[in-house]
Amino acid sequence: MPIRVAVDAMGGDHGPEVMVRGALQAAADCTDLSLSFVGDRSAIESVLQSCDTASVASRIDLVHASTVVGMEEGAIEALKRSPDSSVVRLV
């Protein structure tokens, strides 16, 4: 049974680099796994271009989010102020 996982690519301490690479490794290991990367499209595409995605390319899609919620922001306020953030787009 196929599994789709939404990944907040902007949610890691080191930006999309670690999040995208880790998710790609999981998808390479699990052929039933499809990925939806959510975040800044150009930043995600930049990471994807530096990776070998041949075996997983058909199982990847991107959902653009123009803003990022910072760790110092309160959850409720951030959701109200940043409707196009990666964390809101995941919901």
N, C-alpha and C. Protein backbone atom coordinates (compact mmCIF):
# COMPACT_ATOMS: atom_id res chain seq x y z
N MET A 1 0.85 -1.18 0.00
CA MET A 1 0.00 0.00 0.00
C MET A 1 0.90 1.25 0.00
N PRO A 2 0.68 2.17 -0.94
CA PRO A 2 1.50 3.40 -1.00
C PRO A 2 1.29 4.28 0.22
N ILE A 3 2.37 4.91 0.62
CA ILE A 3 2.34 5.83 1.77
C ILE A 3 2.83 7.19 1.29
N ARG A 4 2.05 8.25 1.52
CA ARG A 4 2.47 9.61 1.18
C ARG A 4 2.82 10.32 2.48
N VAL A 5 4.01 10.89 2.52
CA VAL A 5 4.47 11.62 3.69
C VAL A 5 4.73 13.07 3.29
N ALA A 6 4.15 14.00 4.04
CA ALA A 6 4.42 15.42 3.83
C ALA A 6 5.58 15.81 4.75
N VAL A 7 6.59 16.43 4.16
CA VAL A 7 7.80 16.80 4.89
C VAL A 7 7.92 18.31 4.92
N ASP A 8 7.94 18.90 6.11
CA ASP A 8 8.19 20.34 6.24
C ASP A 8 9.69 20.53 5.99
N ALA A 9 10.03 20.81 4.76
CA ALA A 9 11.44 20.90 4.38
C ALA A 9 12.15 22.06 5.06
N MET A 10 11.41 23.01 5.56
CA MET A 10 12.01 24.17 6.20
C MET A 10 12.07 24.00 7.72
N GLY A 11 11.65 22.85 8.22
CA GLY A 11 11.48 22.64 9.65
C GLY A 11 12.70 22.20 10.43
N GLY A 12 13.78 21.90 9.78
CA GLY A 12 14.95 21.42 10.50
C GLY A 12 15.86 22.55 10.97
N ASP A 13 16.76 22.23 11.87
CA ASP A 13 17.72 23.21 12.38
C ASP A 13 18.70 23.67 11.30
N HIS A 14 18.88 22.87 10.26
CA HIS A 14 19.86 23.18 9.22
C HIS A 14 19.21 23.43 7.87
N GLY A 15 17.96 23.87 7.88
CA GLY A 15 17.27 24.19 6.65
C GLY A 15 16.90 22.96 5.86
N PRO A 16 16.57 23.15 4.59
CA PRO A 16 16.05 22.05 3.80
C PRO A 16 17.08 20.97 3.45
N GLU A 17 18.34 21.29 3.51
CA GLU A 17 19.39 20.33 3.12
C GLU A 17 19.23 18.99 3.84
N VAL A 18 19.18 19.01 5.14
CA VAL A 18 19.11 17.78 5.93
C VAL A 18 17.75 17.12 5.79
N MET A 19 16.69 17.91 5.82
CA MET A 19 15.34 17.36 5.74
C MET A 19 15.11 16.64 4.40
N VAL A 20 15.51 17.29 3.32
CA VAL A 20 15.30 16.72 1.98
C VAL A 20 16.16 15.47 1.78
N ARG A 21 17.43 15.57 2.13
CA ARG A 21 18.32 14.41 1.94
C ARG A 21 17.85 13.21 2.77
N GLY A 22 17.43 13.45 4.00
CA GLY A 22 16.96 12.35 4.84
C GLY A 22 15.70 11.71 4.30
N ALA A 23 14.77 12.52 3.83
CA ALA A 23 13.53 11.98 3.27
C ALA A 23 13.81 11.21 1.98
N LEU A 24 14.73 11.71 1.16
CA LEU A 24 15.09 11.01 -0.07
C LEU A 24 15.69 9.63 0.24
N GLN A 25 16.51 9.57 1.27
CA GLN A 25 17.09 8.29 1.67
C GLN A 25 15.99 7.31 2.09
N ALA A 26 15.02 7.81 2.86
CA ALA A 26 13.90 6.96 3.28
C ALA A 26 13.11 6.47 2.07
N ALA A 27 12.87 7.34 1.10
CA ALA A 27 12.12 6.95 -0.09
C ALA A 27 12.90 5.95 -0.94
N ALA A 28 14.21 6.09 -0.98
CA ALA A 28 15.04 5.13 -1.72
C ALA A 28 14.98 3.75 -1.06
N ASP A 29 14.90 3.73 0.27
CA ASP A 29 14.85 2.48 1.01
C ASP A 29 13.46 1.84 1.01
N CYS A 30 12.43 2.65 0.82
CA CYS A 30 11.04 2.16 0.89
C CYS A 30 10.32 2.56 -0.40
N THR A 31 10.17 1.62 -1.30
CA THR A 31 9.60 1.93 -2.61
C THR A 31 8.11 2.27 -2.58
N ASP A 32 7.45 2.03 -1.46
CA ASP A 32 6.03 2.41 -1.31
C ASP A 32 5.86 3.83 -0.79
N LEU A 33 6.96 4.54 -0.55
CA LEU A 33 6.92 5.87 0.06
C LEU A 33 6.97 6.95 -1.00
N SER A 34 5.99 7.87 -0.96
CA SER A 34 5.98 9.06 -1.80
C SER A 34 6.13 10.27 -0.90
N LEU A 35 6.76 11.33 -1.42
CA LEU A 35 7.07 12.50 -0.60
C LEU A 35 6.45 13.77 -1.16
N SER A 36 5.89 14.57 -0.28
CA SER A 36 5.46 15.92 -0.61
C SER A 36 6.33 16.86 0.22
N PHE A 37 7.27 17.55 -0.43
CA PHE A 37 8.11 18.51 0.27
C PHE A 37 7.37 19.84 0.31
N VAL A 38 7.24 20.40 1.51
CA VAL A 38 6.55 21.67 1.70
C VAL A 38 7.55 22.70 2.17
N GLY A 39 7.58 23.86 1.49
CA GLY A 39 8.49 24.93 1.87
C GLY A 39 8.84 25.80 0.67
N ASP A 40 9.94 26.51 0.78
CA ASP A 40 10.39 27.38 -0.29
C ASP A 40 10.82 26.53 -1.49
N ARG A 41 10.05 26.63 -2.57
CA ARG A 41 10.27 25.77 -3.75
C ARG A 41 11.70 25.88 -4.28
N SER A 42 12.23 27.09 -4.39
CA SER A 42 13.58 27.24 -4.95
C SER A 42 14.65 26.62 -4.05
N ALA A 43 14.48 26.72 -2.74
CA ALA A 43 15.44 26.12 -1.81
C ALA A 43 15.38 24.60 -1.89
N ILE A 44 14.18 24.06 -1.99
CA ILE A 44 14.02 22.60 -2.09
C ILE A 44 14.59 22.11 -3.42
N GLU A 45 14.26 22.81 -4.51
CA GLU A 45 14.77 22.41 -5.82
C GLU A 45 16.29 22.45 -5.87
N SER A 46 16.88 23.42 -5.19
CA SER A 46 18.34 23.52 -5.14
C SER A 46 18.95 22.27 -4.51
N VAL A 47 18.36 21.81 -3.42
CA VAL A 47 18.85 20.59 -2.77
C VAL A 47 18.62 19.39 -3.67
N LEU A 48 17.44 19.30 -4.27
CA LEU A 48 17.12 18.16 -5.14
C LEU A 48 18.09 18.07 -6.32
N GLN A 49 18.50 19.22 -6.85
CA GLN A 49 19.43 19.22 -7.98
C GLN A 49 20.80 18.66 -7.61
N SER A 50 21.14 18.74 -6.35
CA SER A 50 22.45 18.24 -5.91
C SER A 50 22.38 16.77 -5.47
N CYS A 51 21.22 16.16 -5.59
CA CYS A 51 21.03 14.77 -5.17
C CYS A 51 20.73 13.88 -6.36
N ASP A 52 20.98 12.60 -6.20
CA ASP A 52 20.59 11.61 -7.20
C ASP A 52 19.16 11.20 -6.88
N THR A 53 18.21 11.73 -7.64
CA THR A 53 16.80 11.46 -7.38
C THR A 53 16.18 10.52 -8.42
N ALA A 54 16.99 9.93 -9.28
CA ALA A 54 16.46 9.12 -10.38
C ALA A 54 15.49 8.03 -9.91
N SER A 55 15.80 7.37 -8.83
CA SER A 55 14.96 6.25 -8.39
C SER A 55 13.69 6.70 -7.68
N VAL A 56 13.61 7.97 -7.29
CA VAL A 56 12.46 8.43 -6.52
C VAL A 56 11.73 9.62 -7.16
N ALA A 57 12.23 10.14 -8.27
CA ALA A 57 11.70 11.37 -8.87
C ALA A 57 10.19 11.31 -9.12
N SER A 58 9.70 10.17 -9.55
CA SER A 58 8.26 10.06 -9.85
C SER A 58 7.40 10.04 -8.59
N ARG A 59 8.05 9.93 -7.43
CA ARG A 59 7.31 9.87 -6.16
C ARG A 59 7.49 11.13 -5.33
N ILE A 60 7.93 12.23 -5.96
CA ILE A 60 8.18 13.48 -5.26
C ILE A 60 7.29 14.57 -5.83
N ASP A 61 6.66 15.36 -4.95
CA ASP A 61 6.05 16.59 -5.41
C ASP A 61 6.37 17.70 -4.42
N LEU A 62 6.26 18.93 -4.90
CA LEU A 62 6.60 20.11 -4.10
C LEU A 62 5.37 20.94 -3.86
N VAL A 63 5.24 21.44 -2.64
CA VAL A 63 4.17 22.36 -2.27
C VAL A 63 4.84 23.63 -1.78
N HIS A 64 4.71 24.72 -2.55
CA HIS A 64 5.40 25.96 -2.19
C HIS A 64 4.73 26.62 -0.98
N ALA A 65 5.56 27.10 -0.07
CA ALA A 65 5.13 27.92 1.07
C ALA A 65 6.10 29.08 1.15
N SER A 66 5.58 30.29 1.16
CA SER A 66 6.44 31.48 1.04
C SER A 66 7.05 31.95 2.36
N THR A 67 6.55 31.48 3.48
CA THR A 67 7.08 31.93 4.77
C THR A 67 7.42 30.75 5.66
N VAL A 68 8.24 31.03 6.66
CA VAL A 68 8.67 30.02 7.62
C VAL A 68 8.34 30.52 9.02
N VAL A 69 7.82 29.65 9.86
CA VAL A 69 7.54 29.99 11.26
C VAL A 69 8.81 29.75 12.06
N GLY A 70 9.27 30.77 12.77
CA GLY A 70 10.48 30.65 13.58
C GLY A 70 10.22 29.91 14.88
N MET A 71 11.28 29.32 15.43
CA MET A 71 11.16 28.56 16.68
C MET A 71 10.70 29.43 17.85
N GLU A 72 11.00 30.71 17.79
CA GLU A 72 10.66 31.60 18.89
C GLU A 72 9.21 32.07 18.85
N GLU A 73 8.50 31.78 17.77
CA GLU A 73 7.12 32.22 17.63
C GLU A 73 6.16 31.25 18.32
N GLY A 74 5.13 31.82 18.93
CA GLY A 74 4.09 30.99 19.53
C GLY A 74 3.27 30.34 18.44
N ALA A 75 2.82 29.12 18.68
CA ALA A 75 2.14 28.33 17.65
C ALA A 75 0.86 28.98 17.14
N ILE A 76 -0.01 29.39 18.02
CA ILE A 76 -1.30 29.96 17.60
C ILE A 76 -1.09 31.26 16.84
N GLU A 77 -0.25 32.12 17.36
CA GLU A 77 0.00 33.41 16.71
C GLU A 77 0.65 33.22 15.35
N ALA A 78 1.59 32.29 15.27
CA ALA A 78 2.27 32.02 14.01
C ALA A 78 1.29 31.50 12.96
N LEU A 79 0.39 30.64 13.36
CA LEU A 79 -0.60 30.11 12.42
C LEU A 79 -1.50 31.21 11.89
N LYS A 80 -1.85 32.16 12.74
CA LYS A 80 -2.70 33.27 12.32
C LYS A 80 -1.94 34.26 11.43
N ARG A 81 -0.68 34.54 11.77
CA ARG A 81 0.11 35.55 11.05
C ARG A 81 0.73 35.02 9.76
N SER A 82 0.92 33.75 9.67
CA SER A 82 1.67 33.18 8.53
C SER A 82 0.85 32.10 7.82
N PRO A 83 -0.24 32.48 7.15
CA PRO A 83 -1.09 31.46 6.52
C PRO A 83 -0.43 30.71 5.37
N ASP A 84 0.68 31.23 4.84
CA ASP A 84 1.36 30.54 3.75
C ASP A 84 2.69 29.95 4.20
N SER A 85 2.79 29.64 5.49
CA SER A 85 4.02 29.04 6.00
C SER A 85 3.99 27.53 5.75
N SER A 86 5.17 26.93 5.79
CA SER A 86 5.27 25.50 5.53
C SER A 86 4.47 24.68 6.53
N VAL A 87 4.48 25.09 7.79
CA VAL A 87 3.77 24.32 8.81
C VAL A 87 2.25 24.41 8.60
N VAL A 88 1.75 25.54 8.15
CA VAL A 88 0.30 25.68 7.90
C VAL A 88 -0.09 24.91 6.64
N ARG A 89 0.74 24.97 5.62
CA ARG A 89 0.43 24.27 4.37
C ARG A 89 0.39 22.76 4.57
N LEU A 90 1.08 22.26 5.59
CA LEU A 90 1.05 20.82 5.89
C LEU A 90 -0.32 20.37 6.38
N VAL A 91 -1.03 21.27 7.03
CA VAL A 91 -2.33 20.92 7.61
C VAL A 91 -3.37 20.86 6.59
